């Protein structure tokens, strides 16, 4: 398995979610009034690890964020390292928080 096909934006919990086999992987976020999404935490249940789910979630989340015209600040270490491996997505970085 690589990228999740369906990523849900659970605005009540402020997180993007992907469900598989009764388990939920997610990316927590905080969006401020200036249109900046602070990506704070990525979590994949142990049973889903090693399947590319986290990487797929990050890509889908960034696509959604870009469609909404938001910028990002990666606080989560996984997302920071993902951006280093996928520098084309650094275009979404908030100008005040460049890597």
PDB file of N, CA and C in Angstrom:
ATOM      1  N   UNK A   1       0.854  -1.181   0.000  1.00  0.00           N
ATOM      2  CA  UNK A   1       0.000   0.000   0.000  1.00  0.00           C
ATOM      3  C   UNK A   1       0.893   1.235   0.000  1.00  0.00           C
ATOM      4  N   UNK A   2       0.496   2.229  -0.765  1.00  0.00           N
ATOM      5  CA  UNK A   2       1.243   3.485  -0.725  1.00  0.00           C
ATOM      6  C   UNK A   2       0.344   4.583  -0.189  1.00  0.00           C
ATOM      7  N   UNK A   3      -0.086   5.478  -1.033  1.00  0.00           N
ATOM      8  CA  UNK A   3      -0.857   6.629  -0.559  1.00  0.00           C
ATOM      9  C   UNK A   3      -2.294   6.256  -0.227  1.00  0.00           C
ATOM     10  N   UNK A   4      -2.788   6.790   0.884  1.00  0.00           N
ATOM     11  CA  UNK A   4      -4.215   6.607   1.173  1.00  0.00           C
ATOM     12  C   UNK A   4      -5.039   7.262   0.072  1.00  0.00           C
ATOM     13  N   UNK A   5      -6.105   6.621  -0.324  1.00  0.00           N
ATOM     14  CA  UNK A   5      -6.962   7.192  -1.363  1.00  0.00           C
ATOM     15  C   UNK A   5      -7.877   8.259  -0.795  1.00  0.00           C
ATOM     16  N   UNK A   6      -8.379   8.026   0.398  1.00  0.00           N
ATOM     17  CA  UNK A   6      -9.334   8.957   0.984  1.00  0.00           C
ATOM     18  C   UNK A   6      -8.812   9.482   2.309  1.00  0.00           C
ATOM     19  N   UNK A   7      -8.555  10.748   2.354  1.00  0.00           N
ATOM     20  CA  UNK A   7      -8.124  11.407   3.578  1.00  0.00           C
ATOM     21  C   UNK A   7      -9.256  12.328   3.987  1.00  0.00           C
ATOM     22  N   UNK A   8      -9.719  12.182   5.201  1.00  0.00           N
ATOM     23  CA  UNK A   8     -10.842  12.974   5.706  1.00  0.00           C
ATOM     24  C   UNK A   8     -10.307  14.119   6.557  1.00  0.00           C
ATOM     25  N   UNK A   9     -10.889  15.291   6.398  1.00  0.00           N
ATOM     26  CA  UNK A   9     -10.544  16.427   7.249  1.00  0.00           C
ATOM     27  C   UNK A   9     -11.566  16.473   8.378  1.00  0.00           C
ATOM     28  N   UNK A  10     -11.157  16.004   9.544  1.00  0.00           N
ATOM     29  CA  UNK A  10     -12.027  16.014  10.717  1.00  0.00           C
ATOM     30  C   UNK A  10     -11.827  17.354  11.419  1.00  0.00           C
ATOM     31  N   UNK A  11     -12.635  18.339  11.044  1.00  0.00           N
ATOM     32  CA  UNK A  11     -12.453  19.692  11.574  1.00  0.00           C
ATOM     33  C   UNK A  11     -12.803  19.784  13.055  1.00  0.00           C
ATOM     34  N   UNK A  12     -13.645  18.886  13.549  1.00  0.00           N
ATOM     35  CA  UNK A  12     -13.964  18.892  14.984  1.00  0.00           C
ATOM     36  C   UNK A  12     -12.753  18.524  15.829  1.00  0.00           C
ATOM     37  N   UNK A  13     -11.905  17.634  15.313  1.00  0.00           N
ATOM     38  CA  UNK A  13     -10.702  17.217  16.041  1.00  0.00           C
ATOM     39  C   UNK A  13      -9.452  17.909  15.516  1.00  0.00           C
ATOM     40  N   UNK A  14      -9.598  18.779  14.518  1.00  0.00           N
ATOM     41  CA  UNK A  14      -8.461  19.473  13.907  1.00  0.00           C
ATOM     42  C   UNK A  14      -7.399  18.490  13.438  1.00  0.00           C
ATOM     43  N   UNK A  15      -7.840  17.543  12.607  1.00  0.00           N
ATOM     44  CA  UNK A  15      -6.867  16.594  12.076  1.00  0.00           C
ATOM     45  C   UNK A  15      -7.369  15.962  10.783  1.00  0.00           C
ATOM     46  N   UNK A  16      -6.410  15.599   9.949  1.00  0.00           N
ATOM     47  CA  UNK A  16      -6.673  14.803   8.766  1.00  0.00           C
ATOM     48  C   UNK A  16      -6.609  13.351   9.212  1.00  0.00           C
ATOM     49  N   UNK A  17      -7.543  12.533   8.727  1.00  0.00           N
ATOM     50  CA  UNK A  17      -7.610  11.143   9.164  1.00  0.00           C
ATOM     51  C   UNK A  17      -7.674  10.191   7.975  1.00  0.00           C
ATOM     52  N   UNK A  18      -7.071   9.017   8.175  1.00  0.00           N
ATOM     53  CA  UNK A  18      -7.170   7.926   7.218  1.00  0.00           C
ATOM     54  C   UNK A  18      -7.494   6.671   8.010  1.00  0.00           C
ATOM     55  N   UNK A  19      -8.579   6.007   7.625  1.00  0.00           N
ATOM     56  CA  UNK A  19      -8.987   4.799   8.336  1.00  0.00           C
ATOM     57  C   UNK A  19      -8.755   3.573   7.474  1.00  0.00           C
ATOM     58  N   UNK A  20      -8.244   2.510   8.113  1.00  0.00           N
ATOM     59  CA  UNK A  20      -8.007   1.238   7.442  1.00  0.00           C
ATOM     60  C   UNK A  20      -8.083   0.136   8.478  1.00  0.00           C
ATOM     61  N   UNK A  21      -8.824  -0.894   8.175  1.00  0.00           N
ATOM     62  CA  UNK A  21      -8.940  -2.054   9.064  1.00  0.00           C
ATOM     63  C   UNK A  21      -9.333  -1.658  10.487  1.00  0.00           C
ATOM     64  N   UNK A  22     -10.229  -0.689  10.625  1.00  0.00           N
ATOM     65  CA  UNK A  22     -10.704  -0.271  11.939  1.00  0.00           C
ATOM     66  C   UNK A  22      -9.714   0.559  12.735  1.00  0.00           C
ATOM     67  N   UNK A  23      -8.619   0.970  12.102  1.00  0.00           N
ATOM     68  CA  UNK A  23      -7.611   1.794  12.779  1.00  0.00           C
ATOM     69  C   UNK A  23      -7.531   3.150  12.081  1.00  0.00           C
ATOM     70  N   UNK A  24      -7.148   4.162  12.833  1.00  0.00           N
ATOM     71  CA  UNK A  24      -7.088   5.512  12.282  1.00  0.00           C
ATOM     72  C   UNK A  24      -5.682   6.091  12.402  1.00  0.00           C
ATOM     73  N   UNK A  25      -5.134   6.493  11.269  1.00  0.00           N
ATOM     74  CA  UNK A  25      -3.887   7.256  11.222  1.00  0.00           C
ATOM     75  C   UNK A  25      -4.293   8.714  11.048  1.00  0.00           C
ATOM     76  N   UNK A  26      -3.474   9.640  11.557  1.00  0.00           N
ATOM     77  CA  UNK A  26      -3.899  11.042  11.482  1.00  0.00           C
ATOM     78  C   UNK A  26      -2.731  12.016  11.505  1.00  0.00           C
ATOM     79  N   UNK A  27      -3.041  13.241  11.067  1.00  0.00           N
ATOM     80  CA  UNK A  27      -2.129  14.387  11.146  1.00  0.00           C
ATOM     81  C   UNK A  27      -2.901  15.484  11.870  1.00  0.00           C
ATOM     82  N   UNK A  28      -2.411  15.892  13.033  1.00  0.00           N
ATOM     83  CA  UNK A  28      -3.028  16.991  13.782  1.00  0.00           C
ATOM     84  C   UNK A  28      -2.589  18.331  13.190  1.00  0.00           C
ATOM     85  N   UNK A  29      -3.480  19.305  13.237  1.00  0.00           N
ATOM     86  CA  UNK A  29      -3.143  20.641  12.752  1.00  0.00           C
ATOM     87  C   UNK A  29      -3.856  21.715  13.565  1.00  0.00           C
ATOM     88  N   UNK A  30      -3.324  22.917  13.445  1.00  0.00           N
ATOM     89  CA  UNK A  30      -3.962  24.125  13.975  1.00  0.00           C
ATOM     90  C   UNK A  30      -3.908  25.139  12.835  1.00  0.00           C
ATOM     91  N   UNK A  31      -5.041  25.722  12.485  1.00  0.00           N
ATOM     92  CA  UNK A  31      -5.061  26.741  11.437  1.00  0.00           C
ATOM     93  C   UNK A  31      -5.355  28.087  12.094  1.00  0.00           C
ATOM     94  N   UNK A  32      -4.450  29.051  11.879  1.00  0.00           N
ATOM     95  CA  UNK A  32      -4.652  30.360  12.494  1.00  0.00           C
ATOM     96  C   UNK A  32      -5.469  31.275  11.578  1.00  0.00           C
ATOM     97  N   UNK A  33      -5.767  32.459  12.053  1.00  0.00           N
ATOM     98  CA  UNK A  33      -6.602  33.404  11.308  1.00  0.00           C
ATOM     99  C   UNK A  33      -5.906  33.955  10.069  1.00  0.00           C
ATOM    100  N   UNK A  34      -4.590  33.816  10.014  1.00  0.00           N
ATOM    101  CA  UNK A  34      -3.841  34.302   8.861  1.00  0.00           C
ATOM    102  C   UNK A  34      -3.767  33.259   7.741  1.00  0.00           C
ATOM    103  N   UNK A  35      -4.414  32.110   7.915  1.00  0.00           N
ATOM    104  CA  UNK A  35      -4.412  31.078   6.883  1.00  0.00           C
ATOM    105  C   UNK A  35      -3.162  30.221   6.875  1.00  0.00           C
ATOM    106  N   UNK A  36      -2.586  30.017   8.056  1.00  0.00           N
ATOM    107  CA  UNK A  36      -1.399  29.166   8.179  1.00  0.00           C
ATOM    108  C   UNK A  36      -1.786  27.909   8.960  1.00  0.00           C
ATOM    109  N   UNK A  37      -1.492  26.765   8.364  1.00  0.00           N
ATOM    110  CA  UNK A  37      -1.762  25.477   9.014  1.00  0.00           C
ATOM    111  C   UNK A  37      -0.481  24.989   9.686  1.00  0.00           C
ATOM    112  N   UNK A  38      -0.516  24.904  11.003  1.00  0.00           N
ATOM    113  CA  UNK A  38       0.600  24.367  11.776  1.00  0.00           C
ATOM    114  C   UNK A  38       0.362  22.863  11.895  1.00  0.00           C
ATOM    115  N   UNK A  39       1.226  22.080  11.257  1.00  0.00           N
ATOM    116  CA  UNK A  39       1.090  20.621  11.248  1.00  0.00           C
ATOM    117  C   UNK A  39       1.893  20.090  12.428  1.00  0.00           C
ATOM    118  N   UNK A  40       1.172  19.669  13.477  1.00  0.00           N
ATOM    119  CA  UNK A  40       1.821  19.439  14.768  1.00  0.00           C
ATOM    120  C   UNK A  40       2.207  18.004  15.075  1.00  0.00           C
ATOM    121  N   UNK A  41       1.499  17.028  14.503  1.00  0.00           N
ATOM    122  CA  UNK A  41       1.760  15.640  14.904  1.00  0.00           C
ATOM    123  C   UNK A  41       1.215  14.684  13.851  1.00  0.00           C
ATOM    124  N   UNK A  42       1.988  13.643  13.558  1.00  0.00           N
ATOM    125  CA  UNK A  42       1.544  12.576  12.664  1.00  0.00           C
ATOM    126  C   UNK A  42       1.603  11.276  13.440  1.00  0.00           C
ATOM    127  N   UNK A  43       0.539  10.492  13.336  1.00  0.00           N
ATOM    128  CA  UNK A  43       0.527   9.216  14.055  1.00  0.00           C
ATOM    129  C   UNK A  43      -0.095   8.125  13.189  1.00  0.00           C
ATOM    130  N   UNK A  44       0.584   6.983  13.153  1.00  0.00           N
ATOM    131  CA  UNK A  44       0.097   5.809  12.434  1.00  0.00           C
ATOM    132  C   UNK A  44       0.073   4.660  13.437  1.00  0.00           C
ATOM    133  N   UNK A  45      -1.074   3.978  13.592  1.00  0.00           N
ATOM    134  CA  UNK A  45      -1.124   2.838  14.507  1.00  0.00           C
ATOM    135  C   UNK A  45      -0.091   1.776  14.129  1.00  0.00           C
ATOM    136  N   UNK A  46       0.424   1.093  15.138  1.00  0.00           N
ATOM    137  CA  UNK A  46       1.476   0.090  14.933  1.00  0.00           C
ATOM    138  C   UNK A  46       1.099  -0.906  13.832  1.00  0.00           C
ATOM    139  N   UNK A  47      -0.145  -1.337  13.811  1.00  0.00           N
ATOM    140  CA  UNK A  47      -0.576  -2.316  12.823  1.00  0.00           C
ATOM    141  C   UNK A  47      -0.556  -1.826  11.387  1.00  0.00           C
ATOM    142  N   UNK A  48      -0.454  -0.517  11.204  1.00  0.00           N
ATOM    143  CA  UNK A  48      -0.433   0.059   9.859  1.00  0.00           C
ATOM    144  C   UNK A  48       0.942   0.587   9.463  1.00  0.00           C
ATOM    145  N   UNK A  49       1.912   0.504  10.356  1.00  0.00           N
ATOM    146  CA  UNK A  49       3.252   1.038  10.073  1.00  0.00           C
ATOM    147  C   UNK A  49       3.924   0.275   8.933  1.00  0.00           C
ATOM    148  N   UNK A  50       4.831   0.968   8.259  1.00  0.00           N
ATOM    149  CA  UNK A  50       5.629   0.340   7.217  1.00  0.00           C
ATOM    150  C   UNK A  50       4.905   0.144   5.896  1.00  0.00           C
ATOM    151  N   UNK A  51       3.758   0.783   5.725  1.00  0.00           N
ATOM    152  CA  UNK A  51       2.973   0.631   4.502  1.00  0.00           C
ATOM    153  C   UNK A  51       2.904   1.917   3.687  1.00  0.00           C
ATOM    154  N   UNK A  52       3.671   2.927   4.063  1.00  0.00           N
ATOM    155  CA  UNK A  52       3.664   4.192   3.334  1.00  0.00           C
ATOM    156  C   UNK A  52       2.481   5.085   3.642  1.00  0.00           C
ATOM    157  N   UNK A  53       1.765   4.749   4.691  1.00  0.00           N
ATOM    158  CA  UNK A  53       0.552   5.511   5.018  1.00  0.00           C
ATOM    159  C   UNK A  53       0.878   6.934   5.451  1.00  0.00           C
ATOM    160  N   UNK A  54       1.862   7.105   6.304  1.00  0.00           N
ATOM    161  CA  UNK A  54       2.203   8.458   6.777  1.00  0.00           C
ATOM    162  C   UNK A  54       2.620   9.352   5.610  1.00  0.00           C
ATOM    163  N   UNK A  55       3.470   8.846   4.742  1.00  0.00           N
ATOM    164  CA  UNK A  55       3.909   9.641   3.584  1.00  0.00           C
ATOM    165  C   UNK A  55       2.739   9.990   2.683  1.00  0.00           C
ATOM    166  N   UNK A  56       1.865   9.017   2.459  1.00  0.00           N
ATOM    167  CA  UNK A  56       0.690   9.269   1.633  1.00  0.00           C
ATOM    168  C   UNK A  56      -0.243  10.291   2.251  1.00  0.00           C
ATOM    169  N   UNK A  57      -0.394  10.214   3.582  1.00  0.00           N
ATOM    170  CA  UNK A  57      -1.245  11.189   4.271  1.00  0.00           C
ATOM    171  C   UNK A  57      -0.683  12.594   4.137  1.00  0.00           C
ATOM    172  N   UNK A  58       0.634  12.736   4.287  1.00  0.00           N
ATOM    173  CA  UNK A  58       1.245  14.057   4.184  1.00  0.00           C
ATOM    174  C   UNK A  58       0.981  14.639   2.800  1.00  0.00           C
ATOM    175  N   UNK A  59       1.198  13.843   1.762  1.00  0.00           N
ATOM    176  CA  UNK A  59       0.982  14.342   0.394  1.00  0.00           C
ATOM    177  C   UNK A  59      -0.479  14.757   0.202  1.00  0.00           C
ATOM    178  N   UNK A  60      -1.415  13.923   0.606  1.00  0.00           N
ATOM    179  CA  UNK A  60      -2.837  14.256   0.453  1.00  0.00           C
ATOM    180  C   UNK A  60      -3.214  15.493   1.278  1.00  0.00           C
ATOM    181  N   UNK A  61      -2.689  15.589   2.492  1.00  0.00           N
ATOM    182  CA  UNK A  61      -2.969  16.750   3.338  1.00  0.00           C
ATOM    183  C   UNK A  61      -2.432  18.025   2.690  1.00  0.00           C
ATOM    184  N   UNK A  62      -1.223  17.964   2.140  1.00  0.00           N
ATOM    185  CA  UNK A  62      -0.647  19.145   1.495  1.00  0.00           C
ATOM    186  C   UNK A  62      -1.426  19.527   0.244  1.00  0.00           C
ATOM    187  N   UNK A  63      -1.919  18.540  -0.492  1.00  0.00           N
ATOM    188  CA  UNK A  63      -2.760  18.849  -1.654  1.00  0.00           C
ATOM    189  C   UNK A  63      -4.016  19.592  -1.217  1.00  0.00           C
ATOM    190  N   UNK A  64      -4.632  19.133  -0.139  1.00  0.00           N
ATOM    191  CA  UNK A  64      -5.837  19.776   0.388  1.00  0.00           C
ATOM    192  C   UNK A  64      -5.526  21.192   0.862  1.00  0.00           C
ATOM    193  N   UNK A  65      -4.438  21.335   1.590  1.00  0.00           N
ATOM    194  CA  UNK A  65      -4.026  22.652   2.099  1.00  0.00           C
ATOM    195  C   UNK A  65      -3.768  23.614   0.950  1.00  0.00           C
ATOM    196  N   UNK A  66      -3.096  23.126  -0.077  1.00  0.00           N
ATOM    197  CA  UNK A  66      -2.807  23.982  -1.231  1.00  0.00           C
ATOM    198  C   UNK A  66      -4.100  24.390  -1.941  1.00  0.00           C
ATOM    199  N   UNK A  67      -5.028  23.469  -2.101  1.00  0.00           N
ATOM    200  CA  UNK A  67      -6.315  23.789  -2.741  1.00  0.00           C
ATOM    201  C   UNK A  67      -7.069  24.861  -1.967  1.00  0.00           C
ATOM    202  N   UNK A  68      -6.883  24.895  -0.674  1.00  0.00           N
ATOM    203  CA  UNK A  68      -7.566  25.891   0.167  1.00  0.00           C
ATOM    204  C   UNK A  68      -6.815  27.210   0.244  1.00  0.00           C
ATOM    205  N   UNK A  69      -5.652  27.286  -0.392  1.00  0.00           N
ATOM    206  CA  UNK A  69      -4.887  28.525  -0.405  1.00  0.00           C
ATOM    207  C   UNK A  69      -4.180  28.831   0.899  1.00  0.00           C
ATOM    208  N   UNK A  70      -3.916  27.804   1.704  1.00  0.00           N
ATOM    209  CA  UNK A  70      -3.234  27.977   2.983  1.00  0.00           C
ATOM    210  C   UNK A  70      -1.734  27.784   2.844  1.00  0.00           C
ATOM    211  N   UNK A  71      -1.002  28.252   3.814  1.00  0.00           N
ATOM    212  CA  UNK A  71       0.436  27.987   3.933  1.00  0.00           C
ATOM    213  C   UNK A  71       0.625  27.047   5.114  1.00  0.00           C
ATOM    214  N   UNK A  72       1.841  26.503   5.260  1.00  0.00           N
ATOM    215  CA  UNK A  72       2.089  25.552   6.345  1.00  0.00           C
ATOM    216  C   UNK A  72       3.302  25.935   7.185  1.00  0.00           C
ATOM    217  N   UNK A  73       3.280  25.437   8.412  1.00  0.00           N
ATOM    218  CA  UNK A  73       4.440  25.446   9.300  1.00  0.00           C
ATOM    219  C   UNK A  73       4.532  24.010   9.829  1.00  0.00           C
ATOM    220  N   UNK A  74       5.566  23.271   9.413  1.00  0.00           N
ATOM    221  CA  UNK A  74       5.705  21.899   9.884  1.00  0.00           C
ATOM    222  C   UNK A  74       6.356  21.866  11.267  1.00  0.00           C
ATOM    223  N   UNK A  75       5.601  21.471  12.252  1.00  0.00           N
ATOM    224  CA  UNK A  75       6.144  21.311  13.598  1.00  0.00           C
ATOM    225  C   UNK A  75       6.501  19.843  13.831  1.00  0.00           C
ATOM    226  N   UNK A  76       5.728  18.963  13.247  1.00  0.00           N
ATOM    227  CA  UNK A  76       5.950  17.520  13.359  1.00  0.00           C
ATOM    228  C   UNK A  76       7.269  17.131  12.676  1.00  0.00           C
ATOM    229  N   UNK A  77       8.147  16.419  13.380  1.00  0.00           N
ATOM    230  CA  UNK A  77       9.426  16.003  12.779  1.00  0.00           C
ATOM    231  C   UNK A  77       9.257  15.134  11.530  1.00  0.00           C
ATOM    232  N   UNK A  78       8.238  14.293  11.492  1.00  0.00           N
ATOM    233  CA  UNK A  78       8.035  13.457  10.308  1.00  0.00           C
ATOM    234  C   UNK A  78       7.733  14.316   9.087  1.00  0.00           C
ATOM    235  N   UNK A  79       6.872  15.306   9.254  1.00  0.00           N
ATOM    236  CA  UNK A  79       6.520  16.170   8.131  1.00  0.00           C
ATOM    237  C   UNK A  79       7.722  16.999   7.698  1.00  0.00           C
ATOM    238  N   UNK A  80       8.508  17.468   8.645  1.00  0.00           N
ATOM    239  CA  UNK A  80       9.729  18.214   8.314  1.00  0.00           C
ATOM    240  C   UNK A  80      10.661  17.357   7.473  1.00  0.00           C
ATOM    241  N   UNK A  81      10.879  16.112   7.879  1.00  0.00           N
ATOM    242  CA  UNK A  81      11.780  15.236   7.118  1.00  0.00           C
ATOM    243  C   UNK A  81      11.165  14.882   5.762  1.00  0.00           C
ATOM    244  N   UNK A  82       9.846  14.732   5.700  1.00  0.00           N
ATOM    245  CA  UNK A  82       9.174  14.449   4.431  1.00  0.00           C
ATOM    246  C   UNK A  82       9.397  15.603   3.452  1.00  0.00           C
ATOM    247  N   UNK A  83       9.301  16.829   3.944  1.00  0.00           N
ATOM    248  CA  UNK A  83       9.526  18.004   3.093  1.00  0.00           C
ATOM    249  C   UNK A  83      10.969  18.067   2.587  1.00  0.00           C
ATOM    250  N   UNK A  84      11.909  17.599   3.386  1.00  0.00           N
ATOM    251  CA  UNK A  84      13.309  17.571   2.943  1.00  0.00           C
ATOM    252  C   UNK A  84      13.477  16.601   1.774  1.00  0.00           C
ATOM    253  N   UNK A  85      12.704  15.511   1.793  1.00  0.00           N
ATOM    254  CA  UNK A  85      12.781  14.514   0.715  1.00  0.00           C
ATOM    255  C   UNK A  85      11.910  14.895  -0.480  1.00  0.00           C
ATOM    256  N   UNK A  86      11.001  15.834  -0.294  1.00  0.00           N
ATOM    257  CA  UNK A  86      10.076  16.268  -1.345  1.00  0.00           C
ATOM    258  C   UNK A  86      10.072  17.793  -1.423  1.00  0.00           C
ATOM    259  N   UNK A  87      11.196  18.380  -1.824  1.00  0.00           N
ATOM    260  CA  UNK A  87      11.361  19.839  -1.746  1.00  0.00           C
ATOM    261  C   UNK A  87      10.372  20.640  -2.596  1.00  0.00           C
ATOM    262  N   UNK A  88       9.743  20.007  -3.572  1.00  0.00           N
ATOM    263  CA  UNK A  88       8.768  20.741  -4.387  1.00  0.00           C
ATOM    264  C   UNK A  88       7.591  21.234  -3.549  1.00  0.00           C
ATOM    265  N   UNK A  89       7.338  20.593  -2.406  1.00  0.00           N
ATOM    266  CA  UNK A  89       6.239  21.005  -1.526  1.00  0.00           C
ATOM    267  C   UNK A  89       6.620  22.135  -0.576  1.00  0.00           C
ATOM    268  N   UNK A  90       7.882  22.511  -0.576  1.00  0.00           N
ATOM    269  CA  UNK A  90       8.301  23.637   0.275  1.00  0.00           C
ATOM    270  C   UNK A  90       7.652  24.938  -0.177  1.00  0.00           C
ATOM    271  N   UNK A  91       7.062  24.923  -1.353  1.00  0.00           N
ATOM    272  CA  UNK A  91       6.352  26.125  -1.842  1.00  0.00           C
ATOM    273  C   UNK A  91       5.200  26.513  -0.925  1.00  0.00           C
ATOM    274  N   UNK A  92       4.738  25.573  -0.112  1.00  0.00           N
ATOM    275  CA  UNK A  92       3.635  25.857   0.803  1.00  0.00           C
ATOM    276  C   UNK A  92       4.092  26.435   2.140  1.00  0.00           C
ATOM    277  N   UNK A  93       5.396  26.474   2.361  1.00  0.00           N
ATOM    278  CA  UNK A  93       5.889  26.975   3.647  1.00  0.00           C
ATOM    279  C   UNK A  93       5.539  28.446   3.835  1.00  0.00           C
ATOM    280  N   UNK A  94       5.066  28.771   5.013  1.00  0.00           N
ATOM    281  CA  UNK A  94       4.791  30.153   5.349  1.00  0.00           C
ATOM    282  C   UNK A  94       6.096  30.932   5.278  1.00  0.00           C
ATOM    283  N   UNK A  95       6.073  32.099   4.672  1.00  0.00           N
ATOM    284  CA  UNK A  95       7.296  32.884   4.455  1.00  0.00           C
ATOM    285  C   UNK A  95       8.028  33.231   5.753  1.00  0.00           C
ATOM    286  N   UNK A  96       7.334  33.255   6.864  1.00  0.00           N
ATOM    287  CA  UNK A  96       7.968  33.584   8.136  1.00  0.00           C
ATOM    288  C   UNK A  96       8.541  32.350   8.834  1.00  0.00           C
ATOM    289  N   UNK A  97       8.334  31.186   8.244  1.00  0.00           N
ATOM    290  CA  UNK A  97       8.781  29.949   8.863  1.00  0.00           C
ATOM    291  C   UNK A  97       9.500  29.047   7.865  1.00  0.00           C
ATOM    292  N   UNK A  98      10.307  29.620   7.011  1.00  0.00           N
ATOM    293  CA  UNK A  98      11.025  28.843   5.999  1.00  0.00           C
ATOM    294  C   UNK A  98      12.044  27.910   6.636  1.00  0.00           C
ATOM    295  N   UNK A  99      12.243  26.762   5.980  1.00  0.00           N
ATOM    296  CA  UNK A  99      13.218  25.774   6.462  1.00  0.00           C
ATOM    297  C   UNK A  99      14.579  26.071   5.858  1.00  0.00           C
TER     298      UNK A  99
END
